[in-house]
């Protein structure tokens, strides 16, 4: 499953806001900021990410850097707004 997370949502999580994802009003996941412990025993961010990846809790990006620009796909047929309008008129 692929999920696109908005910048605003990601910004809120970075600030420390906990976000609960729901499906049909039932909680299915929780997004929280990863807080690495501090002190001499603390693991580095790279070590933390590697450990989470090994545990299957995280999948690291295939390539470093920003994602390529998104390009919308053209679809055939009437615009969605027209389809919705026609459906509503038929009720």
N, C-alpha and C. Protein backbone atom coordinates (compact mmCIF):
# COMPACT_ATOMS: atom_id res chain seq x y z
N UNK A 1 0.84 -1.16 0.00
CA UNK A 1 0.00 0.00 0.00
C UNK A 1 0.90 1.24 0.00
N UNK A 2 0.54 2.20 -0.80
CA UNK A 2 1.32 3.42 -0.87
C UNK A 2 0.47 4.57 -0.33
N UNK A 3 1.07 5.37 0.55
CA UNK A 3 0.35 6.47 1.16
C UNK A 3 1.10 7.76 0.86
N UNK A 4 0.36 8.77 0.49
CA UNK A 4 0.94 10.09 0.30
C UNK A 4 0.54 10.93 1.50
N UNK A 5 1.53 11.46 2.19
CA UNK A 5 1.27 12.26 3.38
C UNK A 5 1.51 13.73 3.05
N UNK A 6 0.54 14.57 3.39
CA UNK A 6 0.66 15.98 3.08
C UNK A 6 1.78 16.63 3.88
N UNK A 7 2.30 17.72 3.33
CA UNK A 7 3.37 18.45 4.03
C UNK A 7 2.89 18.97 5.38
N UNK A 8 1.64 19.43 5.43
CA UNK A 8 1.11 19.95 6.69
C UNK A 8 1.04 18.89 7.76
N UNK A 9 0.63 17.68 7.37
CA UNK A 9 0.55 16.57 8.32
C UNK A 9 1.95 16.21 8.81
N UNK A 10 2.91 16.16 7.89
CA UNK A 10 4.28 15.83 8.25
C UNK A 10 4.86 16.90 9.18
N UNK A 11 4.53 18.16 8.91
CA UNK A 11 5.00 19.27 9.74
C UNK A 11 4.44 19.14 11.16
N UNK A 12 3.17 18.77 11.27
CA UNK A 12 2.53 18.61 12.58
C UNK A 12 3.21 17.49 13.37
N UNK A 13 3.53 16.39 12.70
CA UNK A 13 4.19 15.26 13.37
C UNK A 13 5.59 15.68 13.83
N UNK A 14 6.31 16.44 12.99
CA UNK A 14 7.64 16.91 13.37
C UNK A 14 7.58 17.79 14.62
N UNK A 15 6.50 18.57 14.76
CA UNK A 15 6.34 19.44 15.93
C UNK A 15 5.95 18.66 17.17
N UNK A 16 5.61 17.39 17.02
CA UNK A 16 5.28 16.57 18.18
C UNK A 16 3.82 16.17 18.28
N UNK A 17 3.00 16.57 17.33
CA UNK A 17 1.59 16.18 17.35
C UNK A 17 1.46 14.71 16.98
N UNK A 18 0.70 13.96 17.76
CA UNK A 18 0.44 12.56 17.43
C UNK A 18 -0.77 12.50 16.52
N UNK A 19 -0.67 11.77 15.42
CA UNK A 19 -1.75 11.66 14.44
C UNK A 19 -2.21 10.20 14.39
N UNK A 20 -3.51 9.98 14.52
CA UNK A 20 -4.07 8.63 14.45
C UNK A 20 -4.78 8.49 13.10
N UNK A 21 -4.38 7.48 12.33
CA UNK A 21 -5.01 7.20 11.04
C UNK A 21 -6.15 6.22 11.26
N UNK A 22 -7.28 6.51 10.63
CA UNK A 22 -8.44 5.64 10.81
C UNK A 22 -8.93 5.12 9.46
N UNK A 23 -9.62 4.00 9.53
CA UNK A 23 -10.29 3.43 8.36
C UNK A 23 -11.70 3.08 8.82
N UNK A 24 -12.67 3.73 8.22
CA UNK A 24 -14.07 3.55 8.62
C UNK A 24 -14.26 3.81 10.11
N UNK A 25 -13.67 4.89 10.57
CA UNK A 25 -13.76 5.36 11.96
C UNK A 25 -13.06 4.46 12.98
N UNK A 26 -12.26 3.51 12.52
CA UNK A 26 -11.50 2.64 13.44
C UNK A 26 -10.02 2.97 13.33
N UNK A 27 -9.34 3.22 14.45
CA UNK A 27 -7.91 3.52 14.41
C UNK A 27 -7.11 2.34 13.86
N UNK A 28 -6.21 2.63 12.91
CA UNK A 28 -5.37 1.56 12.33
C UNK A 28 -3.88 1.84 12.47
N UNK A 29 -3.51 3.11 12.68
CA UNK A 29 -2.08 3.43 12.80
C UNK A 29 -1.92 4.73 13.57
N UNK A 30 -0.73 4.92 14.11
CA UNK A 30 -0.41 6.14 14.84
C UNK A 30 0.90 6.69 14.29
N UNK A 31 0.90 7.98 13.94
CA UNK A 31 2.12 8.65 13.49
C UNK A 31 2.63 9.51 14.63
N UNK A 32 3.88 9.28 15.02
CA UNK A 32 4.50 10.10 16.05
C UNK A 32 5.92 10.41 15.65
N UNK A 33 6.44 11.47 16.23
CA UNK A 33 7.83 11.86 15.95
C UNK A 33 8.76 10.84 16.61
N UNK A 34 9.82 10.49 15.92
CA UNK A 34 10.82 9.59 16.49
C UNK A 34 11.76 10.43 17.33
N UNK A 35 11.85 10.10 18.59
CA UNK A 35 12.73 10.82 19.51
C UNK A 35 13.88 9.90 19.88
N UNK A 36 15.05 10.20 19.39
CA UNK A 36 16.22 9.41 19.73
C UNK A 36 16.67 9.79 21.13
N UNK A 37 16.98 8.81 21.97
CA UNK A 37 17.45 9.11 23.32
C UNK A 37 18.79 9.85 23.28
N UNK A 38 19.08 10.61 24.33
CA UNK A 38 20.34 11.33 24.40
C UNK A 38 21.23 10.70 25.45
N UNK A 39 22.50 11.01 25.42
CA UNK A 39 23.45 10.48 26.39
C UNK A 39 24.46 9.57 25.73
N UNK A 40 25.38 9.05 26.52
CA UNK A 40 26.46 8.23 25.95
C UNK A 40 25.97 6.92 25.32
N UNK A 41 24.84 6.37 25.81
CA UNK A 41 24.31 5.11 25.30
C UNK A 41 23.40 5.30 24.09
N UNK A 42 23.11 6.55 23.73
CA UNK A 42 22.13 6.84 22.67
C UNK A 42 22.64 6.39 21.31
N UNK A 43 21.72 5.83 20.53
CA UNK A 43 22.09 5.44 19.17
C UNK A 43 21.92 6.64 18.24
N UNK A 44 22.69 6.66 17.18
CA UNK A 44 22.58 7.76 16.21
C UNK A 44 21.29 7.60 15.42
N UNK A 45 20.90 8.65 14.74
CA UNK A 45 19.70 8.58 13.91
C UNK A 45 19.86 7.50 12.84
N UNK A 46 21.05 7.40 12.26
CA UNK A 46 21.30 6.38 11.24
C UNK A 46 21.13 4.98 11.83
N UNK A 47 21.64 4.77 13.06
CA UNK A 47 21.50 3.47 13.71
C UNK A 47 20.04 3.17 14.03
N UNK A 48 19.30 4.20 14.48
CA UNK A 48 17.88 4.03 14.79
C UNK A 48 17.11 3.63 13.54
N UNK A 49 17.36 4.33 12.43
CA UNK A 49 16.67 4.01 11.18
C UNK A 49 17.02 2.62 10.69
N UNK A 50 18.28 2.24 10.80
CA UNK A 50 18.71 0.90 10.39
C UNK A 50 18.02 -0.17 11.23
N UNK A 51 17.94 0.07 12.56
CA UNK A 51 17.27 -0.89 13.45
C UNK A 51 15.78 -1.03 13.13
N UNK A 52 15.11 0.10 12.91
CA UNK A 52 13.69 0.05 12.56
C UNK A 52 13.47 -0.66 11.23
N UNK A 53 14.38 -0.45 10.28
CA UNK A 53 14.30 -1.12 8.98
C UNK A 53 14.47 -2.63 9.16
N UNK A 54 15.42 -3.04 9.98
CA UNK A 54 15.66 -4.47 10.22
C UNK A 54 14.48 -5.13 10.92
N UNK A 55 13.77 -4.38 11.75
CA UNK A 55 12.61 -4.91 12.45
C UNK A 55 11.36 -4.91 11.58
N UNK A 56 11.46 -4.35 10.38
CA UNK A 56 10.31 -4.31 9.48
C UNK A 56 9.33 -3.20 9.81
N UNK A 57 9.74 -2.26 10.66
CA UNK A 57 8.88 -1.15 11.05
C UNK A 57 9.05 0.07 10.15
N UNK A 58 10.04 0.03 9.28
CA UNK A 58 10.37 1.16 8.44
C UNK A 58 10.96 0.64 7.14
N UNK A 59 10.65 1.29 6.05
CA UNK A 59 11.30 0.95 4.78
C UNK A 59 12.03 2.18 4.29
N UNK A 60 13.35 2.06 4.20
CA UNK A 60 14.18 3.20 3.79
C UNK A 60 13.99 3.48 2.30
N UNK A 61 14.20 4.73 1.95
CA UNK A 61 14.08 5.15 0.55
C UNK A 61 15.14 4.45 -0.30
N UNK A 62 14.80 4.16 -1.55
CA UNK A 62 15.74 3.51 -2.46
C UNK A 62 16.87 4.46 -2.85
N UNK A 63 16.53 5.75 -2.99
CA UNK A 63 17.52 6.76 -3.36
C UNK A 63 17.44 7.92 -2.38
N UNK A 64 18.58 8.54 -2.11
CA UNK A 64 18.60 9.72 -1.25
C UNK A 64 18.18 10.94 -2.07
N UNK A 65 17.63 11.91 -1.40
CA UNK A 65 17.27 13.16 -2.06
C UNK A 65 15.78 13.32 -2.25
N UNK A 66 15.40 14.45 -2.84
CA UNK A 66 13.96 14.73 -3.01
C UNK A 66 13.33 13.85 -4.08
N UNK A 67 12.02 13.71 -3.99
CA UNK A 67 11.28 12.96 -4.99
C UNK A 67 11.19 13.76 -6.28
N UNK A 68 11.08 13.09 -7.42
CA UNK A 68 10.92 13.83 -8.67
C UNK A 68 9.58 14.55 -8.69
N UNK A 69 9.46 15.60 -9.52
CA UNK A 69 8.19 16.32 -9.59
C UNK A 69 7.05 15.38 -9.98
N UNK A 70 5.90 15.61 -9.39
CA UNK A 70 4.72 14.80 -9.67
C UNK A 70 4.07 15.28 -10.95
N UNK A 71 3.70 14.36 -11.83
CA UNK A 71 3.03 14.71 -13.07
C UNK A 71 1.67 14.02 -13.10
N UNK A 72 0.58 14.79 -13.17
CA UNK A 72 -0.74 14.17 -13.20
C UNK A 72 -0.94 13.38 -14.49
N UNK A 73 -1.71 12.31 -14.40
CA UNK A 73 -2.02 11.51 -15.58
C UNK A 73 -3.28 12.03 -16.24
N UNK A 74 -3.29 12.02 -17.53
CA UNK A 74 -4.49 12.40 -18.27
C UNK A 74 -5.38 11.17 -18.37
N UNK A 75 -6.67 11.37 -18.13
CA UNK A 75 -7.60 10.26 -18.24
C UNK A 75 -8.67 10.62 -19.26
N UNK A 76 -9.18 9.60 -19.90
CA UNK A 76 -10.20 9.81 -20.92
C UNK A 76 -11.56 9.95 -20.26
N UNK A 77 -12.48 10.56 -20.96
CA UNK A 77 -13.84 10.67 -20.46
C UNK A 77 -14.16 12.06 -19.95
N UNK A 78 -15.36 12.18 -19.44
CA UNK A 78 -15.84 13.46 -18.92
C UNK A 78 -15.12 13.80 -17.62
N UNK A 79 -15.01 15.09 -17.31
CA UNK A 79 -14.41 15.48 -16.03
C UNK A 79 -15.22 14.91 -14.86
N UNK A 80 -14.56 14.63 -13.77
CA UNK A 80 -15.21 14.05 -12.61
C UNK A 80 -16.34 14.95 -12.11
N UNK A 81 -16.14 16.26 -12.14
CA UNK A 81 -17.18 17.17 -11.67
C UNK A 81 -18.46 17.01 -12.50
N UNK A 82 -18.31 16.79 -13.79
CA UNK A 82 -19.47 16.59 -14.67
C UNK A 82 -20.17 15.27 -14.32
N UNK A 83 -19.40 14.23 -14.09
CA UNK A 83 -19.96 12.93 -13.73
C UNK A 83 -20.75 13.02 -12.43
N UNK A 84 -20.19 13.71 -11.44
CA UNK A 84 -20.88 13.87 -10.16
C UNK A 84 -22.17 14.66 -10.35
N UNK A 85 -22.13 15.71 -11.14
CA UNK A 85 -23.32 16.53 -11.38
C UNK A 85 -24.42 15.70 -12.01
N UNK A 86 -24.08 14.90 -13.01
CA UNK A 86 -25.07 14.05 -13.69
C UNK A 86 -25.65 13.02 -12.72
N UNK A 87 -24.78 12.41 -11.90
CA UNK A 87 -25.24 11.43 -10.92
C UNK A 87 -26.22 12.06 -9.93
N UNK A 88 -25.94 13.25 -9.51
CA UNK A 88 -26.81 13.92 -8.55
C UNK A 88 -28.16 14.30 -9.18
N UNK A 89 -28.12 14.65 -10.43
CA UNK A 89 -29.38 15.00 -11.12
C UNK A 89 -30.27 13.78 -11.30
N UNK A 90 -29.67 12.60 -11.44
CA UNK A 90 -30.44 11.37 -11.68
C UNK A 90 -31.13 10.86 -10.42
N UNK A 91 -30.82 11.39 -9.27
CA UNK A 91 -31.41 10.90 -8.01
C UNK A 91 -32.84 11.30 -7.87
